[in-house]
Amino acid sequence: MASQKLENPLRVLRSAVNKDVLVKVKDGNSFLGRLIFTDSTMNIVMVDTDEVTDDLNTPLARYGTVLIRGSQILYIVVDYKRS
């Protein structure tokens, strides 16, 4: 089994500033946008944000700037490629 270096999640998230990210929140919604800010509690601010369906093909709503509380985030995909 190959050894992998574990990275600090906050460091990875901070390195993702100005990149496209996919964020899944606890209520089941998913958001695609460009990450512009994060803090030590993983609150994030995104711009050019779309709320998308689970298959990621259909935008449900288009938002400008969005704040998502870190306590509501299930996972974040960094450097997500929009189709």
PDB file of N, CA and C in Angstrom:
ATOM      1  N   MET A   1       0.841  -1.172   0.000  1.00  0.00           N
ATOM      2  CA  MET A   1       0.000   0.000   0.000  1.00  0.00           C
ATOM      3  C   MET A   1       0.892   1.242   0.000  1.00  0.00           C
ATOM      4  N   ALA A   2       0.657   2.144  -0.905  1.00  0.00           N
ATOM      5  CA  ALA A   2       1.462   3.357  -1.019  1.00  0.00           C
ATOM      6  C   ALA A   2       1.109   4.328   0.090  1.00  0.00           C
ATOM      7  N   SER A   3       2.118   4.973   0.646  1.00  0.00           N
ATOM      8  CA  SER A   3       1.860   5.954   1.691  1.00  0.00           C
ATOM      9  C   SER A   3       1.528   7.293   1.045  1.00  0.00           C
ATOM     10  N   GLN A   4       0.565   7.973   1.633  1.00  0.00           N
ATOM     11  CA  GLN A   4       0.150   9.273   1.137  1.00  0.00           C
ATOM     12  C   GLN A   4       0.291  10.285   2.258  1.00  0.00           C
ATOM     13  N   LYS A   5       0.689  11.482   1.907  1.00  0.00           N
ATOM     14  CA  LYS A   5       0.812  12.543   2.883  1.00  0.00           C
ATOM     15  C   LYS A   5      -0.568  13.142   3.131  1.00  0.00           C
ATOM     16  N   LEU A   6      -0.977  13.185   4.387  1.00  0.00           N
ATOM     17  CA  LEU A   6      -2.249  13.788   4.732  1.00  0.00           C
ATOM     18  C   LEU A   6      -2.085  15.295   4.795  1.00  0.00           C
ATOM     19  N   GLU A   7      -3.045  16.000   4.223  1.00  0.00           N
ATOM     20  CA  GLU A   7      -3.001  17.450   4.203  1.00  0.00           C
ATOM     21  C   GLU A   7      -4.030  18.017   5.157  1.00  0.00           C
ATOM     22  N   ASN A   8      -3.729  19.156   5.701  1.00  0.00           N
ATOM     23  CA  ASN A   8      -4.654  19.872   6.558  1.00  0.00           C
ATOM     24  C   ASN A   8      -5.809  20.389   5.693  1.00  0.00           C
ATOM     25  N   PRO A   9      -7.061  20.052   6.039  1.00  0.00           N
ATOM     26  CA  PRO A   9      -8.201  20.485   5.216  1.00  0.00           C
ATOM     27  C   PRO A   9      -8.302  22.000   5.068  1.00  0.00           C
ATOM     28  N   LEU A  10      -7.988  22.744   6.113  1.00  0.00           N
ATOM     29  CA  LEU A  10      -8.042  24.204   6.003  1.00  0.00           C
ATOM     30  C   LEU A  10      -6.995  24.729   5.030  1.00  0.00           C
ATOM     31  N   ARG A  11      -5.833  24.115   5.026  1.00  0.00           N
ATOM     32  CA  ARG A  11      -4.786  24.538   4.096  1.00  0.00           C
ATOM     33  C   ARG A  11      -5.209  24.253   2.655  1.00  0.00           C
ATOM     34  N   VAL A  12      -5.806  23.103   2.420  1.00  0.00           N
ATOM     35  CA  VAL A  12      -6.289  22.756   1.080  1.00  0.00           C
ATOM     36  C   VAL A  12      -7.370  23.738   0.643  1.00  0.00           C
ATOM     37  N   LEU A  13      -8.283  24.060   1.551  1.00  0.00           N
ATOM     38  CA  LEU A  13      -9.361  24.988   1.220  1.00  0.00           C
ATOM     39  C   LEU A  13      -8.822  26.388   0.933  1.00  0.00           C
ATOM     40  N   ARG A  14      -7.871  26.830   1.725  1.00  0.00           N
ATOM     41  CA  ARG A  14      -7.275  28.157   1.484  1.00  0.00           C
ATOM     42  C   ARG A  14      -6.523  28.199   0.153  1.00  0.00           C
ATOM     43  N   SER A  15      -5.946  27.088  -0.241  1.00  0.00           N
ATOM     44  CA  SER A  15      -5.239  27.054  -1.525  1.00  0.00           C
ATOM     45  C   SER A  15      -6.213  27.032  -2.706  1.00  0.00           C
ATOM     46  N   ALA A  16      -7.494  26.806  -2.431  1.00  0.00           N
ATOM     47  CA  ALA A  16      -8.504  26.742  -3.487  1.00  0.00           C
ATOM     48  C   ALA A  16      -9.140  28.097  -3.792  1.00  0.00           C
ATOM     49  N   VAL A  17      -8.711  29.153  -3.108  1.00  0.00           N
ATOM     50  CA  VAL A  17      -9.261  30.486  -3.369  1.00  0.00           C
ATOM     51  C   VAL A  17      -9.010  30.851  -4.830  1.00  0.00           C
ATOM     52  N   ASN A  18     -10.036  31.403  -5.469  1.00  0.00           N
ATOM     53  CA  ASN A  18     -10.050  31.778  -6.893  1.00  0.00           C
ATOM     54  C   ASN A  18     -10.137  30.578  -7.826  1.00  0.00           C
ATOM     55  N   LYS A  19     -10.551  29.432  -7.303  1.00  0.00           N
ATOM     56  CA  LYS A  19     -10.787  28.253  -8.137  1.00  0.00           C
ATOM     57  C   LYS A  19     -12.258  27.878  -8.061  1.00  0.00           C
ATOM     58  N   ASP A  20     -12.730  27.131  -9.064  1.00  0.00           N
ATOM     59  CA  ASP A  20     -14.104  26.639  -9.048  1.00  0.00           C
ATOM     60  C   ASP A  20     -14.228  25.502  -8.048  1.00  0.00           C
ATOM     61  N   VAL A  21     -15.305  25.522  -7.273  1.00  0.00           N
ATOM     62  CA  VAL A  21     -15.556  24.478  -6.289  1.00  0.00           C
ATOM     63  C   VAL A  21     -17.009  24.032  -6.368  1.00  0.00           C
ATOM     64  N   LEU A  22     -17.246  22.799  -5.968  1.00  0.00           N
ATOM     65  CA  LEU A  22     -18.585  22.246  -5.814  1.00  0.00           C
ATOM     66  C   LEU A  22     -18.769  22.036  -4.318  1.00  0.00           C
ATOM     67  N   VAL A  23     -19.868  22.583  -3.774  1.00  0.00           N
ATOM     68  CA  VAL A  23     -20.140  22.476  -2.345  1.00  0.00           C
ATOM     69  C   VAL A  23     -21.483  21.781  -2.154  1.00  0.00           C
ATOM     70  N   LYS A  24     -21.488  20.698  -1.388  1.00  0.00           N
ATOM     71  CA  LYS A  24     -22.713  19.981  -1.038  1.00  0.00           C
ATOM     72  C   LYS A  24     -23.025  20.318   0.415  1.00  0.00           C
ATOM     73  N   VAL A  25     -24.266  20.772   0.678  1.00  0.00           N
ATOM     74  CA  VAL A  25     -24.653  21.152   2.032  1.00  0.00           C
ATOM     75  C   VAL A  25     -25.622  20.130   2.621  1.00  0.00           C
ATOM     76  N   LYS A  26     -25.828  20.217   3.928  1.00  0.00           N
ATOM     77  CA  LYS A  26     -26.591  19.212   4.661  1.00  0.00           C
ATOM     78  C   LYS A  26     -28.031  19.060   4.197  1.00  0.00           C
ATOM     79  N   ASP A  27     -28.640  20.111   3.671  1.00  0.00           N
ATOM     80  CA  ASP A  27     -30.042  19.978   3.231  1.00  0.00           C
ATOM     81  C   ASP A  27     -30.166  19.319   1.865  1.00  0.00           C
ATOM     82  N   GLY A  28     -29.038  18.917   1.271  1.00  0.00           N
ATOM     83  CA  GLY A  28     -29.061  18.186   0.004  1.00  0.00           C
ATOM     84  C   GLY A  28     -28.767  19.034  -1.207  1.00  0.00           C
ATOM     85  N   ASN A  29     -28.707  20.349  -1.066  1.00  0.00           N
ATOM     86  CA  ASN A  29     -28.422  21.229  -2.201  1.00  0.00           C
ATOM     87  C   ASN A  29     -26.944  21.208  -2.539  1.00  0.00           C
ATOM     88  N   SER A  30     -26.651  21.482  -3.815  1.00  0.00           N
ATOM     89  CA  SER A  30     -25.270  21.575  -4.287  1.00  0.00           C
ATOM     90  C   SER A  30     -25.078  22.910  -4.975  1.00  0.00           C
ATOM     91  N   PHE A  31     -23.913  23.505  -4.775  1.00  0.00           N
ATOM     92  CA  PHE A  31     -23.605  24.812  -5.340  1.00  0.00           C
ATOM     93  C   PHE A  31     -22.284  24.758  -6.075  1.00  0.00           C
ATOM     94  N   LEU A  32     -22.254  25.351  -7.274  1.00  0.00           N
ATOM     95  CA  LEU A  32     -21.032  25.482  -8.073  1.00  0.00           C
ATOM     96  C   LEU A  32     -20.681  26.953  -8.165  1.00  0.00           C
ATOM     97  N   GLY A  33     -19.449  27.297  -7.886  1.00  0.00           N
ATOM     98  CA  GLY A  33     -19.038  28.690  -7.988  1.00  0.00           C
ATOM     99  C   GLY A  33     -17.556  28.839  -7.768  1.00  0.00           C
ATOM    100  N   ARG A  34     -17.094  30.092  -7.795  1.00  0.00           N
ATOM    101  CA  ARG A  34     -15.688  30.366  -7.566  1.00  0.00           C
ATOM    102  C   ARG A  34     -15.500  30.800  -6.120  1.00  0.00           C
ATOM    103  N   LEU A  35     -14.645  30.101  -5.410  1.00  0.00           N
ATOM    104  CA  LEU A  35     -14.363  30.393  -4.016  1.00  0.00           C
ATOM    105  C   LEU A  35     -13.524  31.661  -3.927  1.00  0.00           C
ATOM    106  N   ILE A  36     -13.985  32.636  -3.107  1.00  0.00           N
ATOM    107  CA  ILE A  36     -13.187  33.857  -2.957  1.00  0.00           C
ATOM    108  C   ILE A  36     -12.736  34.095  -1.519  1.00  0.00           C
ATOM    109  N   PHE A  37     -13.323  33.373  -0.548  1.00  0.00           N
ATOM    110  CA  PHE A  37     -12.923  33.574   0.843  1.00  0.00           C
ATOM    111  C   PHE A  37     -13.283  32.353   1.675  1.00  0.00           C
ATOM    112  N   THR A  38     -12.442  32.035   2.650  1.00  0.00           N
ATOM    113  CA  THR A  38     -12.743  31.024   3.650  1.00  0.00           C
ATOM    114  C   THR A  38     -12.100  31.446   4.956  1.00  0.00           C
ATOM    115  N   ASP A  39     -12.637  30.967   6.075  1.00  0.00           N
ATOM    116  CA  ASP A  39     -12.053  31.295   7.373  1.00  0.00           C
ATOM    117  C   ASP A  39     -11.764  30.019   8.152  1.00  0.00           C
ATOM    118  N   SER A  40     -11.371  30.175   9.415  1.00  0.00           N
ATOM    119  CA  SER A  40     -10.933  29.024  10.213  1.00  0.00           C
ATOM    120  C   SER A  40     -12.069  28.078  10.590  1.00  0.00           C
ATOM    121  N   THR A  41     -13.327  28.492  10.426  1.00  0.00           N
ATOM    122  CA  THR A  41     -14.462  27.602  10.698  1.00  0.00           C
ATOM    123  C   THR A  41     -15.080  27.062   9.410  1.00  0.00           C
ATOM    124  N   MET A  42     -14.372  27.222   8.299  1.00  0.00           N
ATOM    125  CA  MET A  42     -14.781  26.760   6.974  1.00  0.00           C
ATOM    126  C   MET A  42     -16.032  27.450   6.437  1.00  0.00           C
ATOM    127  N   ASN A  43     -16.369  28.637   6.987  1.00  0.00           N
ATOM    128  CA  ASN A  43     -17.358  29.459   6.309  1.00  0.00           C
ATOM    129  C   ASN A  43     -16.738  29.844   4.980  1.00  0.00           C
ATOM    130  N   ILE A  44     -17.540  29.841   3.922  1.00  0.00           N
ATOM    131  CA  ILE A  44     -16.985  30.171   2.612  1.00  0.00           C
ATOM    132  C   ILE A  44     -17.849  31.206   1.912  1.00  0.00           C
ATOM    133  N   VAL A  45     -17.213  31.986   1.062  1.00  0.00           N
ATOM    134  CA  VAL A  45     -17.908  32.931   0.197  1.00  0.00           C
ATOM    135  C   VAL A  45     -17.566  32.558  -1.229  1.00  0.00           C
ATOM    136  N   MET A  46     -18.618  32.450  -2.057  1.00  0.00           N
ATOM    137  CA  MET A  46     -18.452  32.092  -3.463  1.00  0.00           C
ATOM    138  C   MET A  46     -19.118  33.156  -4.334  1.00  0.00           C
ATOM    139  N   VAL A  47     -18.597  33.340  -5.544  1.00  0.00           N
ATOM    140  CA  VAL A  47     -19.210  34.235  -6.526  1.00  0.00           C
ATOM    141  C   VAL A  47     -19.544  33.439  -7.779  1.00  0.00           C
ATOM    142  N   ASP A  48     -20.391  34.039  -8.634  1.00  0.00           N
ATOM    143  CA  ASP A  48     -20.828  33.374  -9.874  1.00  0.00           C
ATOM    144  C   ASP A  48     -21.345  31.983  -9.563  1.00  0.00           C
ATOM    145  N   THR A  49     -22.250  31.896  -8.612  1.00  0.00           N
ATOM    146  CA  THR A  49     -22.688  30.625  -8.054  1.00  0.00           C
ATOM    147  C   THR A  49     -23.987  30.146  -8.681  1.00  0.00           C
ATOM    148  N   ASP A  50     -24.026  28.859  -9.008  1.00  0.00           N
ATOM    149  CA  ASP A  50     -25.241  28.198  -9.484  1.00  0.00           C
ATOM    150  C   ASP A  50     -25.631  27.119  -8.487  1.00  0.00           C
ATOM    151  N   GLU A  51     -26.927  27.045  -8.176  1.00  0.00           N
ATOM    152  CA  GLU A  51     -27.448  25.894  -7.438  1.00  0.00           C
ATOM    153  C   GLU A  51     -27.786  24.847  -8.483  1.00  0.00           C
ATOM    154  N   VAL A  52     -27.299  23.629  -8.299  1.00  0.00           N
ATOM    155  CA  VAL A  52     -27.456  22.605  -9.328  1.00  0.00           C
ATOM    156  C   VAL A  52     -28.142  21.368  -8.771  1.00  0.00           C
ATOM    157  N   THR A  53     -28.684  20.558  -9.691  1.00  0.00           N
ATOM    158  CA  THR A  53     -29.295  19.292  -9.318  1.00  0.00           C
ATOM    159  C   THR A  53     -28.200  18.277  -9.015  1.00  0.00           C
ATOM    160  N   ASP A  54     -28.604  17.127  -8.478  1.00  0.00           N
ATOM    161  CA  ASP A  54     -27.623  16.105  -8.116  1.00  0.00           C
ATOM    162  C   ASP A  54     -26.827  15.579  -9.303  1.00  0.00           C
ATOM    163  N   ASP A  55     -27.420  15.591 -10.508  1.00  0.00           N
ATOM    164  CA  ASP A  55     -26.671  15.130 -11.678  1.00  0.00           C
ATOM    165  C   ASP A  55     -25.773  16.233 -12.253  1.00  0.00           C
ATOM    166  N   LEU A  56     -25.819  17.430 -11.648  1.00  0.00           N
ATOM    167  CA  LEU A  56     -24.974  18.580 -11.989  1.00  0.00           C
ATOM    168  C   LEU A  56     -25.175  19.106 -13.403  1.00  0.00           C
ATOM    169  N   ASN A  57     -26.209  18.663 -14.070  1.00  0.00           N
ATOM    170  CA  ASN A  57     -26.442  19.115 -15.436  1.00  0.00           C
ATOM    171  C   ASN A  57     -27.438  20.264 -15.524  1.00  0.00           C
ATOM    172  N   THR A  58     -28.323  20.366 -14.554  1.00  0.00           N
ATOM    173  CA  THR A  58     -29.381  21.348 -14.631  1.00  0.00           C
ATOM    174  C   THR A  58     -29.247  22.391 -13.528  1.00  0.00           C
ATOM    175  N   PRO A  59     -28.977  23.656 -13.889  1.00  0.00           N
ATOM    176  CA  PRO A  59     -28.961  24.694 -12.863  1.00  0.00           C
ATOM    177  C   PRO A  59     -30.386  24.976 -12.382  1.00  0.00           C
ATOM    178  N   LEU A  60     -30.568  25.000 -11.072  1.00  0.00           N
ATOM    179  CA  LEU A  60     -31.880  25.313 -10.503  1.00  0.00           C
ATOM    180  C   LEU A  60     -32.044  26.809 -10.299  1.00  0.00           C
ATOM    181  N   ALA A  61     -30.972  27.474  -9.925  1.00  0.00           N
ATOM    182  CA  ALA A  61     -31.005  28.918  -9.694  1.00  0.00           C
ATOM    183  C   ALA A  61     -29.601  29.473  -9.897  1.00  0.00           C
ATOM    184  N   ARG A  62     -29.547  30.747 -10.226  1.00  0.00           N
ATOM    185  CA  ARG A  62     -28.264  31.425 -10.429  1.00  0.00           C
ATOM    186  C   ARG A  62     -28.171  32.553  -9.403  1.00  0.00           C
ATOM    187  N   TYR A  63     -27.063  32.569  -8.663  1.00  0.00           N
ATOM    188  CA  TYR A  63     -26.855  33.576  -7.622  1.00  0.00           C
ATOM    189  C   TYR A  63     -25.583  34.351  -7.927  1.00  0.00           C
ATOM    190  N   GLY A  64     -25.461  35.515  -7.326  1.00  0.00           N
ATOM    191  CA  GLY A  64     -24.228  36.284  -7.437  1.00  0.00           C
ATOM    192  C   GLY A  64     -23.249  35.798  -6.382  1.00  0.00           C
ATOM    193  N   THR A  65     -23.258  36.465  -5.242  1.00  0.00           N
ATOM    194  CA  THR A  65     -22.367  36.117  -4.139  1.00  0.00           C
ATOM    195  C   THR A  65     -23.135  35.315  -3.104  1.00  0.00           C
ATOM    196  N   VAL A  66     -22.515  34.238  -2.613  1.00  0.00           N
ATOM    197  CA  VAL A  66     -23.166  33.327  -1.667  1.00  0.00           C
ATOM    198  C   VAL A  66     -22.234  33.091  -0.481  1.00  0.00           C
ATOM    199  N   LEU A  67     -22.800  33.143   0.722  1.00  0.00           N
ATOM    200  CA  LEU A  67     -22.081  32.767   1.940  1.00  0.00           C
ATOM    201  C   LEU A  67     -22.662  31.459   2.423  1.00  0.00           C
ATOM    202  N   ILE A  68     -21.811  30.473   2.677  1.00  0.00           N
ATOM    203  CA  ILE A  68     -22.256  29.181   3.211  1.00  0.00           C
ATOM    204  C   ILE A  68     -21.529  28.954   4.527  1.00  0.00           C
ATOM    205  N   ARG A  69     -22.305  28.715   5.578  1.00  0.00           N
ATOM    206  CA  ARG A  69     -21.713  28.449   6.890  1.00  0.00           C
ATOM    207  C   ARG A  69     -20.985  27.114   6.880  1.00  0.00           C
ATOM    208  N   GLY A  70     -19.824  27.086   7.476  1.00  0.00           N
ATOM    209  CA  GLY A  70     -19.022  25.873   7.530  1.00  0.00           C
ATOM    210  C   GLY A  70     -19.735  24.720   8.204  1.00  0.00           C
ATOM    211  N   SER A  71     -20.586  25.011   9.190  1.00  0.00           N
ATOM    212  CA  SER A  71     -21.295  23.956   9.914  1.00  0.00           C
ATOM    213  C   SER A  71     -22.344  23.261   9.053  1.00  0.00           C
ATOM    214  N   GLN A  72     -22.695  23.836   7.912  1.00  0.00           N
ATOM    215  CA  GLN A  72     -23.709  23.260   7.028  1.00  0.00           C
ATOM    216  C   GLN A  72     -23.115  22.484   5.851  1.00  0.00           C
ATOM    217  N   ILE A  73     -21.796  22.476   5.726  1.00  0.00           N
ATOM    218  CA  ILE A  73     -21.136  21.850   4.574  1.00  0.00           C
ATOM    219  C   ILE A  73     -20.889  20.367   4.829  1.00  0.00           C
ATOM    220  N   LEU A  74     -21.310  19.528   3.871  1.00  0.00           N
ATOM    221  CA  LEU A  74     -20.985  18.103   3.913  1.00  0.00           C
ATOM    222  C   LEU A  74     -19.618  17.844   3.293  1.00  0.00           C
ATOM    223  N   TYR A  75     -19.415  18.374   2.069  1.00  0.00           N
ATOM    224  CA  TYR A  75     -18.117  18.228   1.418  1.00  0.00           C
ATOM    225  C   TYR A  75     -17.921  19.309   0.375  1.00  0.00           C
ATOM    226  N   ILE A  76     -16.656  19.477  -0.001  1.00  0.00           N
ATOM    227  CA  ILE A  76     -16.271  20.458  -1.028  1.00  0.00           C
ATOM    228  C   ILE A  76     -15.352  19.759  -2.006  1.00  0.00           C
ATOM    229  N   VAL A  77     -15.632  19.931  -3.297  1.00  0.00           N
ATOM    230  CA  VAL A  77     -14.759  19.416  -4.356  1.00  0.00           C
ATOM    231  C   VAL A  77     -13.984  20.624  -4.903  1.00  0.00           C
ATOM    232  N   VAL A  78     -12.664  20.591  -4.741  1.00  0.00           N
ATOM    233  CA  VAL A  78     -11.809  21.703  -5.146  1.00  0.00           C
ATOM    234  C   VAL A  78     -11.418  21.528  -6.599  1.00  0.00           C
ATOM    235  N   ASP A  79     -11.312  22.656  -7.312  1.00  0.00           N
ATOM    236  CA  ASP A  79     -10.902  22.679  -8.721  1.00  0.00           C
ATOM    237  C   ASP A  79     -11.884  21.900  -9.585  1.00  0.00           C
ATOM    238  N   TYR A  80     -13.170  22.068  -9.308  1.00  0.00           N
ATOM    239  CA  TYR A  80     -14.215  21.358 -10.036  1.00  0.00           C
ATOM    240  C   TYR A  80     -14.316  21.912 -11.451  1.00  0.00           C
ATOM    241  N   LYS A  81     -14.383  21.041 -12.422  1.00  0.00           N
ATOM    242  CA  LYS A  81     -14.498  21.446 -13.832  1.00  0.00           C
ATOM    243  C   LYS A  81     -15.964  21.492 -14.218  1.00  0.00           C
ATOM    244  N   ARG A  82     -16.426  22.675 -14.595  1.00  0.00           N
ATOM    245  CA  ARG A  82     -17.820  22.820 -15.047  1.00  0.00           C
ATOM    246  C   ARG A  82     -17.958  22.210 -16.436  1.00  0.00           C
ATOM    247  N   SER A  83     -19.102  21.590 -16.672  1.00  0.00           N
ATOM    248  CA  SER A  83     -19.314  20.991 -18.005  1.00  0.00           C
ATOM    249  C   SER A  83     -20.097  21.902 -18.897  1.00  0.00           C
TER     250      SER A  83
END
